[in-house]
Amino acid sequence: SPKVQIMQRDRELGVSLSRDQSLVDRLPRPEVAAAFLNTAGAQHSGPMGALAELVDNSLDANASAINLDVCRHLSTNDGTALTLTDNGKFSSDSGGSTLFEDIRLRVFGLGGSLKDHKTEIGRFGLGFKIGAMRLAKDALVFVVRDGDRAAGLLSQSMLAHSGARAYVTPIWQENMETEDSRNSLDAILQFSPFKSMAALIEQFDLIGSQGTRVVLYNVTKELDLTSEPDDICVSHSKGEADTEARIQGSLRAFASMLYLQREFTIRINGVDVPPFDVFDLYCPRVFTFQPILHSQGKKLCRNIQVRLCLLTRETVFDSPL
């Protein structure tokens, strides 16, 4: 009967698909080279766009606040680190059964994003890698979600020191007794600025009951973390008078224009960044001109005022038009 034929066809199709899947599982898989992290960091021309990648992730996590702070006296090359801490909910839509798996798939996985493209910023699943590696050689991520706590390390220094050929990322979850988790904890304690369990736990405590904390260390020399107490600047931009250069050279100026959500607070070293209304850059000018109008064969001259709003750089505001 037709029904029996359909059932037979579906059964054969299922066997075929199962056979194909089994074949694919046996195929060789290419390695992602350790140099991938250096390549990822080259995708942003400047550090401000890279910082925006990390702030975007906090927005996608529905955080209401993010704190960017400079930490000193750490066991890094220059003793400093840049931290970003938010209170957002780390997503569980990656399909992982544990926080360990979600970090592996969502933070350190390559390509593809499970975010809602209609409401969230992320698209390709690469933002954290290219942003963090543009800013620093190493990034340690701490996540607290639903009572679980886990940490993962993205480290060019570790890969170079160990001579690793492939891209690997240690991930440790508290109270998870697996060989992967234990080995990852050893690697994190060895290659991060936090050399004891007590130091790691302190970082989780700084997050609170929910959120993510990113510790960037061995930071690029392009960033000046110490000169301005309430700002993070690009070193070569000091003294720039041009508006665009100042925005690209100051995280405070950059963030004030890029993130205008009133319900989202950005703090740099504990000082709020107030949103800047881009319409304040508009320069209103009134021009008067005298067109010649024709009405019933007569020429009429009438002064007409036109108000124009020009969005331009400050260096042009006082120039004759």
C-alpha atoms as a PDB file:
ATOM      1  CA  SER A   1       0.000   0.000   0.000  1.00  0.00           C
ATOM      2  CA  PRO A   2       1.107   3.610  -0.383  1.00  0.00           C
ATOM      3  CA  LYS A   3       1.382   3.959   3.413  1.00  0.00           C
ATOM      4  CA  VAL A   4       3.710   0.951   3.646  1.00  0.00           C
ATOM      5  CA  GLN A   5       5.806   2.310   0.789  1.00  0.00           C
ATOM      6  CA  ILE A   6       6.163   5.687   2.545  1.00  0.00           C
ATOM      7  CA  MET A   7       7.193   4.003   5.804  1.00  0.00           C
ATOM      8  CA  GLN A   8       9.759   1.897   3.950  1.00  0.00           C
ATOM      9  CA  ARG A   9      11.153   4.968   2.194  1.00  0.00           C
ATOM     10  CA  ASP A  10      11.452   6.885   5.480  1.00  0.00           C
ATOM     11  CA  ARG A  11      13.207   3.925   7.090  1.00  0.00           C
ATOM     12  CA  GLU A  12      15.710   3.713   4.239  1.00  0.00           C
ATOM     13  CA  LEU A  13      16.264   7.481   4.393  1.00  0.00           C
ATOM     14  CA  GLY A  14      16.930   7.283   8.115  1.00  0.00           C
ATOM     15  CA  VAL A  15      19.477   4.520   7.631  1.00  0.00           C
ATOM     16  CA  SER A  16      21.122   6.545   4.872  1.00  0.00           C
ATOM     17  CA  LEU A  17      21.350   9.668   7.025  1.00  0.00           C
ATOM     18  CA  SER A  18      22.723   7.649   9.925  1.00  0.00           C
ATOM     19  CA  ARG A  19      25.349   6.117   7.630  1.00  0.00           C
ATOM     20  CA  ASP A  20      26.303   9.578   6.307  1.00  0.00           C
ATOM     21  CA  GLN A  21      26.634  10.960   9.837  1.00  0.00           C
ATOM     22  CA  SER A  22      28.799   8.043  10.866  1.00  0.00           C
ATOM     23  CA  LEU A  23      31.004   8.661   7.829  1.00  0.00           C
ATOM     24  CA  VAL A  24      31.390  12.372   8.625  1.00  0.00           C
ATOM     25  CA  ASP A  25      32.301  11.562  12.231  1.00  0.00           C
ATOM     26  CA  ARG A  26      35.198   9.444  10.961  1.00  0.00           C
ATOM     27  CA  LEU A  27      36.619  12.137   8.676  1.00  0.00           C
ATOM     28  CA  PRO A  28      39.814  13.994   9.709  1.00  0.00           C
ATOM     29  CA  ARG A  29      39.333  17.414  11.289  1.00  0.00           C
ATOM     30  CA  PRO A  30      41.675  20.333  10.568  1.00  0.00           C
ATOM     31  CA  GLU A  31      43.387  22.017  13.503  1.00  0.00           C
ATOM     32  CA  VAL A  32      43.015  25.716  14.249  1.00  0.00           C
ATOM     33  CA  ALA A  33      46.578  27.020  14.421  1.00  0.00           C
ATOM     34  CA  ALA A  34      47.766  28.722  17.601  1.00  0.00           C
ATOM     35  CA  ALA A  35      48.555  31.773  15.448  1.00  0.00           C
ATOM     36  CA  PHE A  36      44.799  32.246  15.046  1.00  0.00           C
ATOM     37  CA  LEU A  37      44.740  34.467  18.147  1.00  0.00           C
ATOM     38  CA  ASN A  38      47.309  36.830  16.690  1.00  0.00           C
ATOM     39  CA  THR A  39      45.396  36.863  13.403  1.00  0.00           C
ATOM     40  CA  ALA A  40      42.145  37.592  15.229  1.00  0.00           C
ATOM     41  CA  GLY A  41      43.709  40.578  16.958  1.00  0.00           C
ATOM     42  CA  ALA A  42      44.649  42.126  13.621  1.00  0.00           C
ATOM     43  CA  GLN A  43      41.021  42.561  12.536  1.00  0.00           C
ATOM     44  CA  HIS A  44      40.537  45.947  14.248  1.00  0.00           C
ATOM     45  CA  SER A  45      42.561  48.935  13.104  1.00  0.00           C
ATOM     46  CA  GLY A  46      42.215  50.680  16.463  1.00  0.00           C
ATOM     47  CA  PRO A  47      41.675  49.705  20.100  1.00  0.00           C
ATOM     48  CA  MET A  48      38.406  51.600  20.595  1.00  0.00           C
ATOM     49  CA  GLY A  49      36.524  49.396  18.152  1.00  0.00           C
ATOM     50  CA  ALA A  50      37.953  46.348  19.923  1.00  0.00           C
ATOM     51  CA  LEU A  51      36.729  47.634  23.296  1.00  0.00           C
ATOM     52  CA  ALA A  52      33.309  48.168  21.737  1.00  0.00           C
ATOM     53  CA  GLU A  53      33.190  44.444  20.855  1.00  0.00           C
ATOM     54  CA  LEU A  54      33.429  43.573  24.551  1.00  0.00           C
ATOM     55  CA  VAL A  55      30.917  46.204  25.649  1.00  0.00           C
ATOM     56  CA  ASP A  56      28.501  44.944  22.970  1.00  0.00           C
ATOM     57  CA  ASN A  57      28.623  41.503  24.577  1.00  0.00           C
ATOM     58  CA  SER A  58      27.512  43.045  27.872  1.00  0.00           C
ATOM     59  CA  LEU A  59      24.606  44.739  26.121  1.00  0.00           C
ATOM     60  CA  ASP A  60      23.597  41.446  24.504  1.00  0.00           C
ATOM     61  CA  ALA A  61      23.610  39.868  27.971  1.00  0.00           C
ATOM     62  CA  ASN A  62      21.065  42.505  29.083  1.00  0.00           C
ATOM     63  CA  ALA A  63      23.507  44.027  31.549  1.00  0.00           C
ATOM     64  CA  SER A  64      22.448  47.279  33.171  1.00  0.00           C
ATOM     65  CA  ALA A  65      26.010  48.326  33.977  1.00  0.00           C
ATOM     66  CA  ILE A  66      29.586  47.622  32.976  1.00  0.00           C
ATOM     67  CA  ASN A  67      32.655  48.715  34.909  1.00  0.00           C
ATOM     68  CA  LEU A  68      35.995  49.180  33.168  1.00  0.00           C
ATOM     69  CA  ASP A  69      38.810  49.393  35.684  1.00  0.00           C
ATOM     70  CA  VAL A  70      42.589  49.394  35.677  1.00  0.00           C
ATOM     71  CA  CYS A  71      44.060  46.909  38.172  1.00  0.00           C
ATOM     72  CA  ARG A  72      47.619  47.327  39.396  1.00  0.00           C
ATOM     73  CA  HIS A  73      50.218  45.266  41.230  1.00  0.00           C
ATOM     74  CA  LEU A  74      49.478  42.059  39.316  1.00  0.00           C
ATOM     75  CA  SER A  75      52.005  39.490  38.150  1.00  0.00           C
ATOM     76  CA  THR A  76      51.967  40.684  34.543  1.00  0.00           C
ATOM     77  CA  ASN A  77      54.711  42.172  32.394  1.00  0.00           C
ATOM     78  CA  ASP A  78      53.911  45.725  33.464  1.00  0.00           C
ATOM     79  CA  GLY A  79      51.956  44.958  36.635  1.00  0.00           C
ATOM     80  CA  THR A  80      48.637  46.216  35.241  1.00  0.00           C
ATOM     81  CA  ALA A  81      45.482  44.766  33.732  1.00  0.00           C
ATOM     82  CA  LEU A  82      42.269  46.130  32.257  1.00  0.00           C
ATOM     83  CA  THR A  83      39.079  44.559  33.609  1.00  0.00           C
ATOM     84  CA  LEU A  84      35.504  44.699  32.322  1.00  0.00           C
ATOM     85  CA  THR A  85      32.787  43.561  34.737  1.00  0.00           C
ATOM     86  CA  ASP A  86      29.061  43.451  33.981  1.00  0.00           C
ATOM     87  CA  ASN A  87      25.918  42.156  35.673  1.00  0.00           C
ATOM     88  CA  GLY A  88      24.383  40.510  32.604  1.00  0.00           C
ATOM     89  CA  LYS A  89      22.987  36.981  32.335  1.00  0.00           C
ATOM     90  CA  PHE A  90      25.412  34.731  30.498  1.00  0.00           C
ATOM     91  CA  SER A  91      23.366  32.937  27.859  1.00  0.00           C
ATOM     92  CA  SER A  92      22.590  29.220  28.011  1.00  0.00           C
ATOM     93  CA  ASP A  93      21.276  28.906  24.432  1.00  0.00           C
ATOM     94  CA  SER A  94      24.442  27.361  23.009  1.00  0.00           C
ATOM     95  CA  GLY A  95      23.186  23.850  23.712  1.00  0.00           C
ATOM     96  CA  GLY A  96      25.779  23.051  26.357  1.00  0.00           C
ATOM     97  CA  SER A  97      24.679  21.050  29.373  1.00  0.00           C
ATOM     98  CA  THR A  98      26.945  22.951  31.788  1.00  0.00           C
ATOM     99  CA  LEU A  99      28.446  26.413  32.175  1.00  0.00           C
ATOM    100  CA  PHE A 100      31.757  24.802  31.189  1.00  0.00           C
ATOM    101  CA  GLU A 101      30.265  23.746  27.845  1.00  0.00           C
ATOM    102  CA  ASP A 102      28.535  27.092  27.279  1.00  0.00           C
ATOM    103  CA  ILE A 103      31.818  28.962  27.719  1.00  0.00           C
ATOM    104  CA  ARG A 104      33.586  26.505  25.407  1.00  0.00           C
ATOM    105  CA  LEU A 105      30.968  26.907  22.684  1.00  0.00           C
ATOM    106  CA  ARG A 106      29.916  30.528  23.111  1.00  0.00           C
ATOM    107  CA  VAL A 107      33.069  32.369  24.195  1.00  0.00           C
ATOM    108  CA  PHE A 108      35.873  30.321  22.667  1.00  0.00           C
ATOM    109  CA  GLY A 109      34.053  28.630  19.774  1.00  0.00           C
ATOM    110  CA  LEU A 110      34.821  29.798  16.250  1.00  0.00           C
ATOM    111  CA  GLY A 111      32.224  31.296  13.942  1.00  0.00           C
ATOM    112  CA  GLY A 112      28.476  31.184  14.096  1.00  0.00           C
ATOM    113  CA  SER A 113      26.313  32.941  16.659  1.00  0.00           C
ATOM    114  CA  LEU A 114      23.155  31.738  18.348  1.00  0.00           C
ATOM    115  CA  LYS A 115      22.142  35.253  19.333  1.00  0.00           C
ATOM    116  CA  ASP A 116      18.832  36.742  18.245  1.00  0.00           C
ATOM    117  CA  HIS A 117      19.881  38.889  15.299  1.00  0.00           C
ATOM    118  CA  LYS A 118      16.765  41.058  15.626  1.00  0.00           C
ATOM    119  CA  THR A 119      17.486  42.191  19.168  1.00  0.00           C
ATOM    120  CA  GLU A 120      21.180  41.488  19.785  1.00  0.00           C
ATOM    121  CA  ILE A 121      24.345  42.948  18.316  1.00  0.00           C
ATOM    122  CA  GLY A 122      26.466  39.815  17.867  1.00  0.00           C
ATOM    123  CA  ARG A 123      26.294  38.087  14.487  1.00  0.00           C
ATOM    124  CA  PHE A 124      29.298  35.904  13.762  1.00  0.00           C
ATOM    125  CA  GLY A 125      30.560  34.538  17.086  1.00  0.00           C
ATOM    126  CA  LEU A 126      33.997  36.154  16.703  1.00  0.00           C
ATOM    127  CA  GLY A 127      33.641  39.480  18.520  1.00  0.00           C
ATOM    128  CA  PHE A 128      35.176  38.474  21.839  1.00  0.00           C
ATOM    129  CA  LYS A 129      38.203  36.796  20.258  1.00  0.00           C
ATOM    130  CA  ILE A 130      39.067  39.621  17.887  1.00  0.00           C
ATOM    131  CA  GLY A 131      38.304  42.326  20.459  1.00  0.00           C
ATOM    132  CA  ALA A 132      40.234  40.802  23.351  1.00  0.00           C
ATOM    133  CA  MET A 133      43.251  39.824  21.257  1.00  0.00           C
ATOM    134  CA  ARG A 134      43.448  43.302  19.724  1.00  0.00           C
ATOM    135  CA  LEU A 135      43.727  44.785  23.212  1.00  0.00           C
ATOM    136  CA  ALA A 136      45.975  42.284  24.964  1.00  0.00           C
ATOM    137  CA  LYS A 137      47.909  39.079  24.520  1.00  0.00           C
ATOM    138  CA  ASP A 138      45.892  37.357  27.227  1.00  0.00           C
ATOM    139  CA  ALA A 139      42.297  37.385  28.478  1.00  0.00           C
ATOM    140  CA  LEU A 140      40.855  35.535  31.461  1.00  0.00           C
ATOM    141  CA  VAL A 141      37.046  35.303  31.588  1.00  0.00           C
ATOM    142  CA  PHE A 142      35.091  34.716  34.814  1.00  0.00           C
ATOM    143  CA  VAL A 143      31.366  33.865  34.620  1.00  0.00           C
ATOM    144  CA  VAL A 144      28.775  33.515  37.393  1.00  0.00           C
ATOM    145  CA  ARG A 145      25.361  32.121  36.425  1.00  0.00           C
ATOM    146  CA  ASP A 146      22.623  30.454  38.470  1.00  0.00           C
ATOM    147  CA  GLY A 147      25.007  29.585  41.284  1.00  0.00           C
ATOM    148  CA  ASP A 148      27.660  28.109  38.953  1.00  0.00           C
ATOM    149  CA  ARG A 149      31.096  29.684  38.541  1.00  0.00           C
ATOM    150  CA  ALA A 150      33.579  29.030  35.767  1.00  0.00           C
ATOM    151  CA  ALA A 151      36.653  30.618  34.202  1.00  0.00           C
ATOM    152  CA  GLY A 152      38.314  30.327  30.798  1.00  0.00           C
ATOM    153  CA  LEU A 153      41.658  31.524  29.476  1.00  0.00           C
ATOM    154  CA  LEU A 154      42.440  32.896  26.017  1.00  0.00           C
ATOM    155  CA  SER A 155      46.216  33.252  26.007  1.00  0.00           C
ATOM    156  CA  GLN A 156      48.799  33.920  23.332  1.00  0.00           C
ATOM    157  CA  SER A 157      51.469  33.842  26.039  1.00  0.00           C
ATOM    158  CA  MET A 158      50.497  30.319  27.116  1.00  0.00           C
ATOM    159  CA  LEU A 159      50.492  29.003  23.549  1.00  0.00           C
ATOM    160  CA  ALA A 160      53.867  30.593  22.797  1.00  0.00           C
ATOM    161  CA  HIS A 161      55.446  29.395  26.041  1.00  0.00           C
ATOM    162  CA  SER A 162      54.251  25.824  25.567  1.00  0.00           C
ATOM    163  CA  GLY A 163      55.086  25.700  21.868  1.00  0.00           C
ATOM    164  CA  ALA A 164      51.529  24.626  21.098  1.00  0.00           C
ATOM    165  CA  ARG A 165      50.689  24.295  17.418  1.00  0.00           C
ATOM    166  CA  ALA A 166      46.914  24.249  17.857  1.00  0.00           C
ATOM    167  CA  TYR A 167      44.475  26.726  19.411  1.00  0.00           C
ATOM    168  CA  VAL A 168      43.517  25.496  22.904  1.00  0.00           C
ATOM    169  CA  THR A 169      41.629  27.198  25.730  1.00  0.00           C
ATOM    170  CA  PRO A 170      41.677  26.038  29.362  1.00  0.00           C
ATOM    171  CA  ILE A 171      38.210  26.159  30.972  1.00  0.00           C
ATOM    172  CA  TRP A 172      37.602  25.374  34.627  1.00  0.00           C
ATOM    173  CA  GLN A 173      34.264  25.088  36.431  1.00  0.00           C
ATOM    174  CA  GLU A 174      34.002  25.085  40.189  1.00  0.00           C
ATOM    175  CA  ASN A 175      32.913  21.734  41.673  1.00  0.00           C
ATOM    176  CA  MET A 176      33.379  19.920  38.368  1.00  0.00           C
ATOM    177  CA  GLU A 177      35.669  16.957  38.929  1.00  0.00           C
ATOM    178  CA  THR A 178      36.763  16.055  35.423  1.00  0.00           C
ATOM    179  CA  GLU A 179      40.244  15.667  33.989  1.00  0.00           C
ATOM    180  CA  ASP A 180      39.660  18.555  31.548  1.00  0.00           C
ATOM    181  CA  SER A 181      38.586  20.854  34.360  1.00  0.00           C
ATOM    182  CA  ARG A 182      41.510  19.906  36.624  1.00  0.00           C
ATOM    183  CA  ASN A 183      44.073  20.333  33.851  1.00  0.00           C
ATOM    184  CA  SER A 184      42.520  23.663  32.915  1.00  0.00           C
ATOM    185  CA  LEU A 185      42.774  24.891  36.509  1.00  0.00           C
ATOM    186  CA  ASP A 186      46.481  24.052  36.548  1.00  0.00           C
ATOM    187  CA  ALA A 187      47.002  25.998  33.300  1.00  0.00           C
ATOM    188  CA  ILE A 188      45.021  29.017  34.535  1.00  0.00           C
ATOM    189  CA  LEU A 189      46.992  29.183  37.789  1.00  0.00           C
ATOM    190  CA  GLN A 190      50.275  28.901  35.879  1.00  0.00           C
ATOM    191  CA  PHE A 191      49.638  31.371  33.047  1.00  0.00           C
ATOM    192  CA  SER A 192      47.288  33.955  34.592  1.00  0.00           C
ATOM    193  CA  PRO A 193      48.068  36.718  37.122  1.00  0.00           C
ATOM    194  CA  PHE A 194      46.143  34.773  39.786  1.00  0.00           C
ATOM    195  CA  LYS A 195      48.395  32.138  41.304  1.00  0.00           C
ATOM    196  CA  SER A 196      46.110  30.641  43.942  1.00  0.00           C
ATOM    197  CA  MET A 197      42.560  29.414  44.354  1.00  0.00           C
ATOM    198  CA  ALA A 198      41.929  32.248  46.813  1.00  0.00           C
ATOM    199  CA  ALA A 199      42.901  34.804  44.147  1.00  0.00           C
ATOM    200  CA  LEU A 200      40.554  33.189  41.600  1.00  0.00           C
ATOM    201  CA  ILE A 201      37.663  33.074  44.063  1.00  0.00           C
ATOM    202  CA  GLU A 202      38.197  36.759  44.815  1.00  0.00           C
ATOM    203  CA  GLN A 203      37.586  37.566  41.149  1.00  0.00           C
ATOM    204  CA  PHE A 204      34.281  35.685  41.232  1.00  0.00           C
ATOM    205  CA  ASP A 205      33.297  37.565  44.382  1.00  0.00           C
ATOM    206  CA  LEU A 206      33.837  40.870  42.558  1.00  0.00           C
ATOM    207  CA  ILE A 207      31.110  39.844  40.089  1.00  0.00           C
ATOM    208  CA  GLY A 208      28.436  39.054  42.673  1.00  0.00           C
ATOM    209  CA  SER A 209      25.493  36.753  42.069  1.00  0.00           C
ATOM    210  CA  GLN A 210      25.459  37.131  38.273  1.00  0.00           C
ATOM    211  CA  GLY A 211      27.659  38.504  35.540  1.00  0.00           C
ATOM    212  CA  THR A 212      30.900  38.279  33.614  1.00  0.00           C
ATOM    213  CA  ARG A 213      34.350  39.650  34.355  1.00  0.00           C
ATOM    214  CA  VAL A 214      37.065  39.862  31.695  1.00  0.00           C
ATOM    215  CA  VAL A 215      40.649  40.439  32.815  1.00  0.00           C
ATOM    216  CA  LEU A 216      42.902  41.633  29.979  1.00  0.00           C
ATOM    217  CA  TYR A 217      46.612  41.502  30.779  1.00  0.00           C
ATOM    218  CA  ASN A 218      49.802  42.096  28.844  1.00  0.00           C
ATOM    219  CA  VAL A 219      47.823  44.948  27.311  1.00  0.00           C
ATOM    220  CA  THR A 220      48.899  46.623  24.078  1.00  0.00           C
ATOM    221  CA  LYS A 221      51.199  49.624  24.490  1.00  0.00           C
ATOM    222  CA  GLU A 222      48.758  51.633  22.387  1.00  0.00           C
ATOM    223  CA  LEU A 223      46.556  51.994  25.459  1.00  0.00           C
ATOM    224  CA  ASP A 224      47.540  54.404  28.201  1.00  0.00           C
ATOM    225  CA  LEU A 225      45.968  52.965  31.359  1.00  0.00           C
ATOM    226  CA  THR A 226      47.546  55.253  33.939  1.00  0.00           C
ATOM    227  CA  SER A 227      47.763  58.905  32.822  1.00  0.00           C
ATOM    228  CA  GLU A 228      44.070  59.776  33.212  1.00  0.00           C
ATOM    229  CA  PRO A 229      42.393  58.652  36.454  1.00  0.00           C
ATOM    230  CA  ASP A 230      38.908  58.450  34.924  1.00  0.00           C
ATOM    231  CA  ASP A 231      39.734  57.533  31.325  1.00  0.00           C
ATOM    232  CA  ILE A 232      41.542  55.015  29.150  1.00  0.00           C
ATOM    233  CA  CYS A 233      43.326  56.681  26.261  1.00  0.00           C
ATOM    234  CA  VAL A 234      45.195  55.822  23.107  1.00  0.00           C
ATOM    235  CA  SER A 235      48.799  56.844  23.683  1.00  0.00           C
ATOM    236  CA  HIS A 236      49.430  58.638  20.374  1.00  0.00           C
ATOM    237  CA  SER A 237      46.223  60.713  20.578  1.00  0.00           C
ATOM    238  CA  LYS A 238      47.299  63.003  23.430  1.00  0.00           C
ATOM    239  CA  GLY A 239      46.949  66.673  22.572  1.00  0.00           C
ATOM    240  CA  GLU A 240      44.787  66.056  19.515  1.00  0.00           C
ATOM    241  CA  ALA A 241      42.340  68.914  18.925  1.00  0.00           C
ATOM    242  CA  ASP A 242      40.404  67.308  16.095  1.00  0.00           C
ATOM    243  CA  THR A 243      37.015  66.000  17.246  1.00  0.00           C
ATOM    244  CA  GLU A 244      37.248  62.636  15.481  1.00  0.00           C
ATOM    245  CA  ALA A 245      40.772  62.024  16.766  1.00  0.00           C
ATOM    246  CA  ARG A 246      39.741  62.865  20.325  1.00  0.00           C
ATOM    247  CA  ILE A 247      36.774  60.469  20.151  1.00  0.00           C
ATOM    248  CA  GLN A 248      38.959  57.664  18.791  1.00  0.00           C
ATOM    249  CA  GLY A 249      41.622  58.435  21.380  1.00  0.00           C
ATOM    250  CA  SER A 250      39.516  58.505  24.547  1.00  0.00           C
ATOM    251  CA  LEU A 251      37.356  55.646  25.781  1.00  0.00           C
ATOM    252  CA  ARG A 252      35.261  58.106  27.781  1.00  0.00           C
ATOM    253  CA  ALA A 253      34.511  60.224  24.707  1.00  0.00           C
ATOM    254  CA  PHE A 254      34.054  57.171  22.492  1.00  0.00           C
ATOM    255  CA  ALA A 255      31.655  55.380  24.864  1.00  0.00           C
ATOM    256  CA  SER A 256      29.647  58.526  25.583  1.00  0.00           C
ATOM    257  CA  MET A 257      28.713  58.807  21.892  1.00  0.00           C
ATOM    258  CA  LEU A 258      28.443  55.132  20.951  1.00  0.00           C
ATOM    259  CA  TYR A 259      26.225  53.978  23.816  1.00  0.00           C
ATOM    260  CA  LEU A 260      23.265  56.297  24.313  1.00  0.00           C
ATOM    261  CA  GLN A 261      20.986  53.848  26.169  1.00  0.00           C
ATOM    262  CA  ARG A 262      19.854  55.638  29.302  1.00  0.00           C
ATOM    263  CA  GLU A 263      19.255  52.343  31.108  1.00  0.00           C
ATOM    264  CA  PHE A 264      22.847  51.168  30.489  1.00  0.00           C
ATOM    265  CA  THR A 265      25.600  52.602  32.680  1.00  0.00           C
ATOM    266  CA  ILE A 266      29.283  52.588  31.757  1.00  0.00           C
ATOM    267  CA  ARG A 267      31.841  53.403  34.441  1.00  0.00           C
ATOM    268  CA  ILE A 268      35.552  53.934  33.926  1.00  0.00           C
ATOM    269  CA  ASN A 269      37.562  53.540  37.115  1.00  0.00           C
ATOM    270  CA  GLY A 270      34.380  54.087  39.104  1.00  0.00           C
ATOM    271  CA  VAL A 271      33.276  57.290  37.324  1.00  0.00           C
ATOM    272  CA  ASP A 272      30.061  57.204  35.248  1.00  0.00           C
ATOM    273  CA  VAL A 273      30.232  58.005  31.535  1.00  0.00           C
ATOM    274  CA  PRO A 274      27.232  60.250  30.747  1.00  0.00           C
ATOM    275  CA  PRO A 275      25.690  59.713  27.298  1.00  0.00           C
ATOM    276  CA  PHE A 276      26.551  62.472  24.850  1.00  0.00           C
ATOM    277  CA  ASP A 277      23.773  63.719  22.583  1.00  0.00           C
ATOM    278  CA  VAL A 278      25.208  63.655  19.065  1.00  0.00           C
ATOM    279  CA  PHE A 279      22.865  66.507  18.111  1.00  0.00           C
ATOM    280  CA  ASP A 280      25.091  68.761  20.189  1.00  0.00           C
ATOM    281  CA  LEU A 281      27.553  68.459  17.322  1.00  0.00           C
ATOM    282  CA  TYR A 282      25.091  70.109  14.945  1.00  0.00           C
ATOM    283  CA  CYS A 283      25.965  73.702  14.160  1.00  0.00           C
ATOM    284  CA  PRO A 284      22.876  75.757  13.250  1.00  0.00           C
ATOM    285  CA  ARG A 285      23.446  78.526  10.709  1.00  0.00           C
ATOM    286  CA  VAL A 286      20.966  80.987   9.216  1.00  0.00           C
ATOM    287  CA  PHE A 287      21.517  82.080   5.626  1.00  0.00           C
ATOM    288  CA  THR A 288      19.645  84.896   3.933  1.00  0.00           C
ATOM    289  CA  PHE A 289      19.368  85.070   0.165  1.00  0.00           C
ATOM    290  CA  GLN A 290      17.263  87.073  -2.305  1.00  0.00           C
ATOM    291  CA  PRO A 291      15.704  84.989  -5.058  1.00  0.00           C
ATOM    292  CA  ILE A 292      13.926  86.634  -7.969  1.00  0.00           C
ATOM    293  CA  LEU A 293      10.318  85.503  -8.144  1.00  0.00           C
ATOM    294  CA  HIS A 294       7.988  86.079 -11.090  1.00  0.00           C
ATOM    295  CA  SER A 295       4.337  86.908 -10.426  1.00  0.00           C
ATOM    296  CA  GLN A 296       2.068  87.953 -13.260  1.00  0.00           C
ATOM    297  CA  GLY A 297       4.956  89.211 -15.342  1.00  0.00           C
ATOM    298  CA  LYS A 298       6.518  91.255 -12.522  1.00  0.00           C
ATOM    299  CA  LYS A 299       9.812  90.586 -10.838  1.00  0.00           C
ATOM    300  CA  LEU A 300       9.568  90.392  -7.070  1.00  0.00           C
ATOM    301  CA  CYS A 301      12.572  90.365  -4.754  1.00  0.00           C
ATOM    302  CA  ARG A 302      12.045  88.811  -1.362  1.00  0.00           C
ATOM    303  CA  ASN A 303      14.465  87.941   1.411  1.00  0.00           C
ATOM    304  CA  ILE A 304      14.155  84.347   2.500  1.00  0.00           C
ATOM    305  CA  GLN A 305      15.866  82.893   5.513  1.00  0.00           C
ATOM    306  CA  VAL A 306      16.897  79.249   5.503  1.00  0.00           C
ATOM    307  CA  ARG A 307      18.057  77.523   8.659  1.00  0.00           C
ATOM    308  CA  LEU A 308      20.545  74.709   8.064  1.00  0.00           C
ATOM    309  CA  CYS A 309      22.027  72.325  10.586  1.00  0.00           C
ATOM    310  CA  LEU A 310      25.514  71.240   9.677  1.00  0.00           C
ATOM    311  CA  LEU A 311      27.210  68.264  11.306  1.00  0.00           C
ATOM    312  CA  THR A 312      30.890  68.940  10.998  1.00  0.00           C
ATOM    313  CA  ARG A 313      34.105  69.013  12.925  1.00  0.00           C
ATOM    314  CA  GLU A 314      34.823  71.785  15.421  1.00  0.00           C
ATOM    315  CA  THR A 315      37.759  72.917  13.323  1.00  0.00           C
ATOM    316  CA  VAL A 316      35.266  73.961  10.636  1.00  0.00           C
ATOM    317  CA  PHE A 317      32.678  75.620  12.882  1.00  0.00           C
ATOM    318  CA  ASP A 318      34.260  79.092  12.722  1.00  0.00           C
ATOM    319  CA  SER A 319      35.350  78.937   9.118  1.00  0.00           C
ATOM    320  CA  PRO A 320      33.623  81.242   6.596  1.00  0.00           C
ATOM    321  CA  LEU A 321      31.096  79.458   4.442  1.00  0.00           C
END
